[in-house]
Amino acid sequence: MSGENKPYAAFILSLLSGLLILASSSFMLTMFPLNFGGMMGGGMMPWMGGFFWTFAIISIILGILILVGAVMLYTKPEQTKTWGTVILVLAVVSLFFGGGFLIGAILGIIGGILALTS
């Protein structure tokens, strides 16, 4: 496959998707610090902090994997269908973990579909 047949649009959208998902998980980590005491004397805060940290860590993993998929789309254009499927599945899963302010998941879904149809 020549350089002219690289899935540029799918690559750019997937790259943006991964970056937005990473940004939203970083935001989640700063908004819900892991706190096992604090001003509320325990209560619900330890559970909620741990809950959001778990979501943020899963979201970070999804964002990194989408970024890897985007890079693989660009570097291995002969495997576009495989990496498009990976990106599409990960973007749909990311919807359950914040989805990169939702727009990240939407860009990932569009990027995965573009990769599959190219």
N, C-alpha and C. Protein backbone atom coordinates (compact mmCIF):
# COMPACT_ATOMS: atom_id res chain seq x y z
N MET A 1 0.85 -1.16 0.00
CA MET A 1 0.00 0.00 0.00
C MET A 1 0.90 1.23 0.00
N SER A 2 0.67 2.15 -0.86
CA SER A 2 1.51 3.34 -0.98
C SER A 2 1.13 4.35 0.09
N GLY A 3 1.99 5.36 0.24
CA GLY A 3 1.75 6.40 1.22
C GLY A 3 0.48 7.19 0.97
N GLU A 4 0.02 7.20 -0.29
CA GLU A 4 -1.20 7.94 -0.61
C GLU A 4 -2.44 7.26 -0.06
N ASN A 5 -2.35 5.98 0.27
CA ASN A 5 -3.52 5.23 0.75
C ASN A 5 -3.57 5.11 2.26
N LYS A 6 -2.76 5.89 2.96
CA LYS A 6 -2.84 5.86 4.42
C LYS A 6 -4.14 6.51 4.87
N PRO A 7 -4.75 5.96 5.91
CA PRO A 7 -6.03 6.51 6.40
C PRO A 7 -5.81 7.75 7.27
N TYR A 8 -5.49 8.87 6.64
CA TYR A 8 -5.15 10.09 7.38
C TYR A 8 -6.30 10.58 8.26
N ALA A 9 -7.51 10.62 7.73
CA ALA A 9 -8.65 11.12 8.50
C ALA A 9 -8.91 10.23 9.71
N ALA A 10 -8.88 8.92 9.51
CA ALA A 10 -9.09 7.99 10.62
C ALA A 10 -7.98 8.14 11.65
N PHE A 11 -6.75 8.34 11.20
CA PHE A 11 -5.61 8.53 12.10
C PHE A 11 -5.78 9.78 12.95
N ILE A 12 -6.10 10.90 12.32
CA ILE A 12 -6.25 12.18 13.03
C ILE A 12 -7.39 12.10 14.04
N LEU A 13 -8.55 11.58 13.62
CA LEU A 13 -9.69 11.50 14.53
C LEU A 13 -9.41 10.56 15.70
N SER A 14 -8.76 9.46 15.43
CA SER A 14 -8.43 8.51 16.50
C SER A 14 -7.39 9.09 17.45
N LEU A 15 -6.44 9.81 16.90
CA LEU A 15 -5.43 10.46 17.73
C LEU A 15 -6.07 11.49 18.65
N LEU A 16 -6.95 12.31 18.11
CA LEU A 16 -7.67 13.29 18.93
C LEU A 16 -8.53 12.59 19.99
N SER A 17 -9.13 11.48 19.60
CA SER A 17 -9.95 10.72 20.54
C SER A 17 -9.13 10.26 21.73
N GLY A 18 -7.99 9.64 21.47
CA GLY A 18 -7.13 9.17 22.55
C GLY A 18 -6.67 10.30 23.45
N LEU A 19 -6.31 11.43 22.85
CA LEU A 19 -5.86 12.58 23.63
C LEU A 19 -6.98 13.15 24.50
N LEU A 20 -8.19 13.22 23.96
CA LEU A 20 -9.32 13.73 24.75
C LEU A 20 -9.68 12.77 25.89
N ILE A 21 -9.58 11.48 25.64
CA ILE A 21 -9.87 10.51 26.69
C ILE A 21 -8.83 10.62 27.79
N LEU A 22 -7.56 10.80 27.43
CA LEU A 22 -6.52 11.01 28.44
C LEU A 22 -6.75 12.31 29.21
N ALA A 23 -7.16 13.36 28.52
CA ALA A 23 -7.40 14.65 29.17
C ALA A 23 -8.56 14.54 30.15
N SER A 24 -9.63 13.85 29.77
CA SER A 24 -10.78 13.73 30.67
C SER A 24 -10.43 12.89 31.89
N SER A 25 -9.60 11.87 31.72
CA SER A 25 -9.22 11.07 32.88
C SER A 25 -8.31 11.86 33.81
N SER A 26 -7.46 12.71 33.27
CA SER A 26 -6.63 13.58 34.11
C SER A 26 -7.51 14.56 34.88
N PHE A 27 -8.51 15.08 34.21
CA PHE A 27 -9.46 15.98 34.87
C PHE A 27 -10.19 15.24 35.99
N MET A 28 -10.57 13.99 35.74
CA MET A 28 -11.27 13.20 36.73
C MET A 28 -10.38 12.97 37.96
N LEU A 29 -9.10 12.73 37.73
CA LEU A 29 -8.17 12.51 38.84
C LEU A 29 -7.99 13.76 39.70
N THR A 30 -8.01 14.93 39.06
CA THR A 30 -7.84 16.17 39.84
C THR A 30 -9.12 16.57 40.56
N MET A 31 -10.27 16.21 40.02
CA MET A 31 -11.54 16.57 40.64
C MET A 31 -11.89 15.66 41.82
N PHE A 32 -11.42 14.44 41.80
CA PHE A 32 -11.75 13.48 42.84
C PHE A 32 -10.47 12.87 43.41
N PRO A 33 -9.77 13.64 44.25
CA PRO A 33 -8.53 13.10 44.81
C PRO A 33 -8.82 11.90 45.71
N LEU A 34 -7.89 10.98 45.75
CA LEU A 34 -8.03 9.79 46.60
C LEU A 34 -7.85 10.24 48.04
N ASN A 35 -8.95 10.25 48.81
CA ASN A 35 -8.97 10.82 50.14
C ASN A 35 -9.60 9.81 51.10
N PHE A 36 -8.82 9.37 52.07
CA PHE A 36 -9.34 8.39 53.01
C PHE A 36 -9.63 9.00 54.37
N GLY A 37 -10.10 10.17 54.42
CA GLY A 37 -10.42 10.85 55.67
C GLY A 37 -10.91 12.22 55.33
N GLY A 38 -10.10 13.18 55.61
CA GLY A 38 -10.41 14.54 55.20
C GLY A 38 -11.45 15.20 56.07
N MET A 39 -12.05 16.25 55.55
CA MET A 39 -12.97 17.08 56.32
C MET A 39 -14.27 16.35 56.64
N MET A 40 -14.66 15.39 55.84
CA MET A 40 -15.94 14.73 56.07
C MET A 40 -15.81 13.59 57.08
N GLY A 41 -14.59 13.34 57.57
CA GLY A 41 -14.40 12.30 58.55
C GLY A 41 -14.61 10.90 58.00
N GLY A 42 -14.34 10.71 56.75
CA GLY A 42 -14.54 9.39 56.14
C GLY A 42 -15.84 9.39 55.37
N GLY A 43 -16.86 8.84 55.96
CA GLY A 43 -18.17 8.82 55.33
C GLY A 43 -18.13 8.19 53.95
N MET A 44 -18.67 8.88 52.98
CA MET A 44 -18.77 8.37 51.62
C MET A 44 -17.56 8.72 50.77
N MET A 45 -16.74 9.66 51.21
CA MET A 45 -15.62 10.13 50.39
C MET A 45 -14.61 9.05 50.01
N PRO A 46 -14.20 8.17 50.93
CA PRO A 46 -13.22 7.17 50.50
C PRO A 46 -13.74 6.29 49.37
N TRP A 47 -14.99 5.90 49.45
CA TRP A 47 -15.56 5.06 48.41
C TRP A 47 -15.66 5.82 47.09
N MET A 48 -16.15 7.06 47.15
CA MET A 48 -16.32 7.85 45.93
C MET A 48 -14.96 8.18 45.30
N GLY A 49 -13.97 8.52 46.12
CA GLY A 49 -12.64 8.81 45.58
C GLY A 49 -12.07 7.59 44.88
N GLY A 50 -12.16 6.44 45.52
CA GLY A 50 -11.65 5.20 44.91
C GLY A 50 -12.42 4.82 43.66
N PHE A 51 -13.72 5.05 43.68
CA PHE A 51 -14.57 4.75 42.53
C PHE A 51 -14.13 5.57 41.31
N PHE A 52 -13.95 6.86 41.50
CA PHE A 52 -13.56 7.71 40.38
C PHE A 52 -12.12 7.46 39.95
N TRP A 53 -11.26 7.11 40.90
CA TRP A 53 -9.89 6.76 40.52
C TRP A 53 -9.87 5.50 39.67
N THR A 54 -10.69 4.53 40.01
CA THR A 54 -10.77 3.31 39.20
C THR A 54 -11.24 3.65 37.79
N PHE A 55 -12.28 4.48 37.70
CA PHE A 55 -12.77 4.92 36.39
C PHE A 55 -11.68 5.64 35.62
N ALA A 56 -10.95 6.52 36.30
CA ALA A 56 -9.90 7.30 35.65
C ALA A 56 -8.77 6.41 35.15
N ILE A 57 -8.38 5.42 35.93
CA ILE A 57 -7.30 4.53 35.51
C ILE A 57 -7.72 3.69 34.31
N ILE A 58 -8.96 3.20 34.33
CA ILE A 58 -9.46 2.45 33.17
C ILE A 58 -9.51 3.37 31.95
N SER A 59 -9.93 4.61 32.15
CA SER A 59 -9.99 5.57 31.05
C SER A 59 -8.61 5.88 30.50
N ILE A 60 -7.61 5.99 31.38
CA ILE A 60 -6.23 6.22 30.93
C ILE A 60 -5.77 5.05 30.06
N ILE A 61 -6.05 3.84 30.49
CA ILE A 61 -5.66 2.65 29.72
C ILE A 61 -6.35 2.66 28.35
N LEU A 62 -7.64 2.98 28.32
CA LEU A 62 -8.36 3.04 27.05
C LEU A 62 -7.78 4.13 26.14
N GLY A 63 -7.47 5.30 26.71
CA GLY A 63 -6.89 6.39 25.91
C GLY A 63 -5.55 6.00 25.32
N ILE A 64 -4.71 5.35 26.12
CA ILE A 64 -3.40 4.92 25.62
C ILE A 64 -3.57 3.88 24.51
N LEU A 65 -4.48 2.94 24.70
CA LEU A 65 -4.69 1.91 23.68
C LEU A 65 -5.25 2.51 22.38
N ILE A 66 -6.11 3.51 22.49
CA ILE A 66 -6.62 4.18 21.29
C ILE A 66 -5.49 4.92 20.59
N LEU A 67 -4.60 5.56 21.36
CA LEU A 67 -3.45 6.23 20.76
C LEU A 67 -2.54 5.23 20.05
N VAL A 68 -2.33 4.08 20.66
CA VAL A 68 -1.53 3.02 20.01
C VAL A 68 -2.21 2.58 18.72
N GLY A 69 -3.53 2.40 18.78
CA GLY A 69 -4.27 2.01 17.57
C GLY A 69 -4.15 3.06 16.47
N ALA A 70 -4.20 4.34 16.85
CA ALA A 70 -4.08 5.41 15.86
C ALA A 70 -2.70 5.40 15.21
N VAL A 71 -1.67 5.23 16.02
CA VAL A 71 -0.31 5.18 15.48
C VAL A 71 -0.15 3.96 14.57
N MET A 72 -0.72 2.84 14.96
CA MET A 72 -0.64 1.63 14.13
C MET A 72 -1.41 1.81 12.82
N LEU A 73 -2.51 2.56 12.85
CA LEU A 73 -3.22 2.87 11.61
C LEU A 73 -2.30 3.56 10.62
N TYR A 74 -1.51 4.48 11.15
CA TYR A 74 -0.63 5.27 10.29
C TYR A 74 0.60 4.49 9.84
N THR A 75 1.18 3.71 10.75
CA THR A 75 2.43 3.02 10.42
C THR A 75 2.21 1.70 9.69
N LYS A 76 1.07 1.08 9.87
CA LYS A 76 0.78 -0.20 9.21
C LYS A 76 -0.56 -0.10 8.47
N PRO A 77 -0.59 0.66 7.38
CA PRO A 77 -1.86 0.85 6.67
C PRO A 77 -2.44 -0.43 6.08
N GLU A 78 -1.62 -1.48 5.95
CA GLU A 78 -2.16 -2.75 5.44
C GLU A 78 -3.03 -3.45 6.49
N GLN A 79 -2.95 -3.01 7.75
CA GLN A 79 -3.75 -3.59 8.82
C GLN A 79 -4.84 -2.61 9.28
N THR A 80 -5.31 -1.79 8.39
CA THR A 80 -6.28 -0.75 8.72
C THR A 80 -7.55 -1.33 9.33
N LYS A 81 -8.05 -2.41 8.77
CA LYS A 81 -9.30 -3.00 9.27
C LYS A 81 -9.14 -3.49 10.72
N THR A 82 -8.02 -4.12 11.00
CA THR A 82 -7.77 -4.62 12.36
C THR A 82 -7.72 -3.49 13.36
N TRP A 83 -6.93 -2.47 13.07
CA TRP A 83 -6.77 -1.37 14.01
C TRP A 83 -8.03 -0.50 14.06
N GLY A 84 -8.75 -0.41 12.97
CA GLY A 84 -10.02 0.30 12.98
C GLY A 84 -11.02 -0.38 13.91
N THR A 85 -11.04 -1.71 13.89
CA THR A 85 -11.91 -2.46 14.78
C THR A 85 -11.52 -2.24 16.24
N VAL A 86 -10.21 -2.29 16.51
CA VAL A 86 -9.72 -2.07 17.87
C VAL A 86 -10.13 -0.69 18.37
N ILE A 87 -9.93 0.32 17.55
CA ILE A 87 -10.27 1.69 17.94
C ILE A 87 -11.77 1.83 18.16
N LEU A 88 -12.56 1.26 17.28
CA LEU A 88 -14.01 1.33 17.41
C LEU A 88 -14.49 0.69 18.70
N VAL A 89 -14.01 -0.49 19.00
CA VAL A 89 -14.42 -1.19 20.23
C VAL A 89 -13.99 -0.41 21.47
N LEU A 90 -12.74 0.05 21.48
CA LEU A 90 -12.25 0.80 22.64
C LEU A 90 -13.00 2.11 22.83
N ALA A 91 -13.35 2.77 21.74
CA ALA A 91 -14.10 4.03 21.83
C ALA A 91 -15.49 3.79 22.40
N VAL A 92 -16.13 2.70 21.99
CA VAL A 92 -17.46 2.38 22.52
C VAL A 92 -17.35 2.06 24.02
N VAL A 93 -16.35 1.29 24.40
CA VAL A 93 -16.14 0.96 25.82
C VAL A 93 -15.86 2.23 26.62
N SER A 94 -15.14 3.18 26.03
CA SER A 94 -14.80 4.41 26.75
C SER A 94 -16.04 5.23 27.10
N LEU A 95 -17.13 5.01 26.39
CA LEU A 95 -18.38 5.71 26.72
C LEU A 95 -18.82 5.42 28.16
N PHE A 96 -18.51 4.24 28.66
CA PHE A 96 -18.90 3.86 30.01
C PHE A 96 -17.95 4.44 31.07
N PHE A 97 -16.84 5.03 30.63
CA PHE A 97 -15.85 5.57 31.56
C PHE A 97 -15.55 7.04 31.29
N GLY A 98 -16.50 7.76 30.80
CA GLY A 98 -16.33 9.19 30.57
C GLY A 98 -16.22 9.55 29.11
N GLY A 99 -15.59 8.73 28.33
CA GLY A 99 -15.53 8.92 26.89
C GLY A 99 -14.84 10.17 26.40
N GLY A 100 -13.90 10.69 27.16
CA GLY A 100 -13.18 11.89 26.70
C GLY A 100 -14.10 13.06 26.50
N PHE A 101 -14.85 13.40 27.56
CA PHE A 101 -15.85 14.47 27.52
C PHE A 101 -16.92 14.17 26.46
N LEU A 102 -17.16 12.93 26.18
CA LEU A 102 -18.09 12.38 25.18
C LEU A 102 -17.60 12.60 23.75
N ILE A 103 -17.03 13.74 23.47
CA ILE A 103 -16.56 14.02 22.11
C ILE A 103 -15.39 13.09 21.74
N GLY A 104 -14.58 12.70 22.72
CA GLY A 104 -13.48 11.77 22.45
C GLY A 104 -13.99 10.43 21.96
N ALA A 105 -15.03 9.93 22.62
CA ALA A 105 -15.61 8.65 22.20
C ALA A 105 -16.24 8.76 20.81
N ILE A 106 -16.91 9.88 20.56
CA ILE A 106 -17.55 10.07 19.25
C ILE A 106 -16.48 10.14 18.15
N LEU A 107 -15.40 10.87 18.39
CA LEU A 107 -14.31 10.95 17.41
C LEU A 107 -13.68 9.57 17.19
N GLY A 108 -13.52 8.80 18.26
CA GLY A 108 -12.98 7.46 18.14
C GLY A 108 -13.88 6.53 17.33
N ILE A 109 -15.17 6.64 17.57
CA ILE A 109 -16.13 5.82 16.81
C ILE A 109 -16.08 6.19 15.33
N ILE A 110 -16.07 7.49 15.04
CA ILE A 110 -15.99 7.93 13.64
C ILE A 110 -14.67 7.51 13.02
N GLY A 111 -13.57 7.68 13.75
CA GLY A 111 -12.25 7.27 13.25
C GLY A 111 -12.19 5.77 12.98
N GLY A 112 -12.75 4.97 13.89
CA GLY A 112 -12.77 3.52 13.68
C GLY A 112 -13.60 3.13 12.47
N ILE A 113 -14.74 3.78 12.30
CA ILE A 113 -15.59 3.50 11.14
C ILE A 113 -14.89 3.91 9.84
N LEU A 114 -14.24 5.07 9.85
CA LEU A 114 -13.49 5.50 8.66
C LEU A 114 -12.38 4.51 8.30
N ALA A 115 -11.71 4.01 9.33
CA ALA A 115 -10.65 3.03 9.07
C ALA A 115 -11.23 1.74 8.50
N LEU A 116 -12.37 1.33 8.99
CA LEU A 116 -13.00 0.09 8.49
C LEU A 116 -13.51 0.24 7.06
N THR A 117 -13.93 1.44 6.69
CA THR A 117 -14.50 1.63 5.35
C THR A 117 -13.49 2.08 4.32
N SER A 118 -12.23 2.32 4.74
CA SER A 118 -11.23 2.77 3.76
C SER A 118 -10.59 1.60 3.05
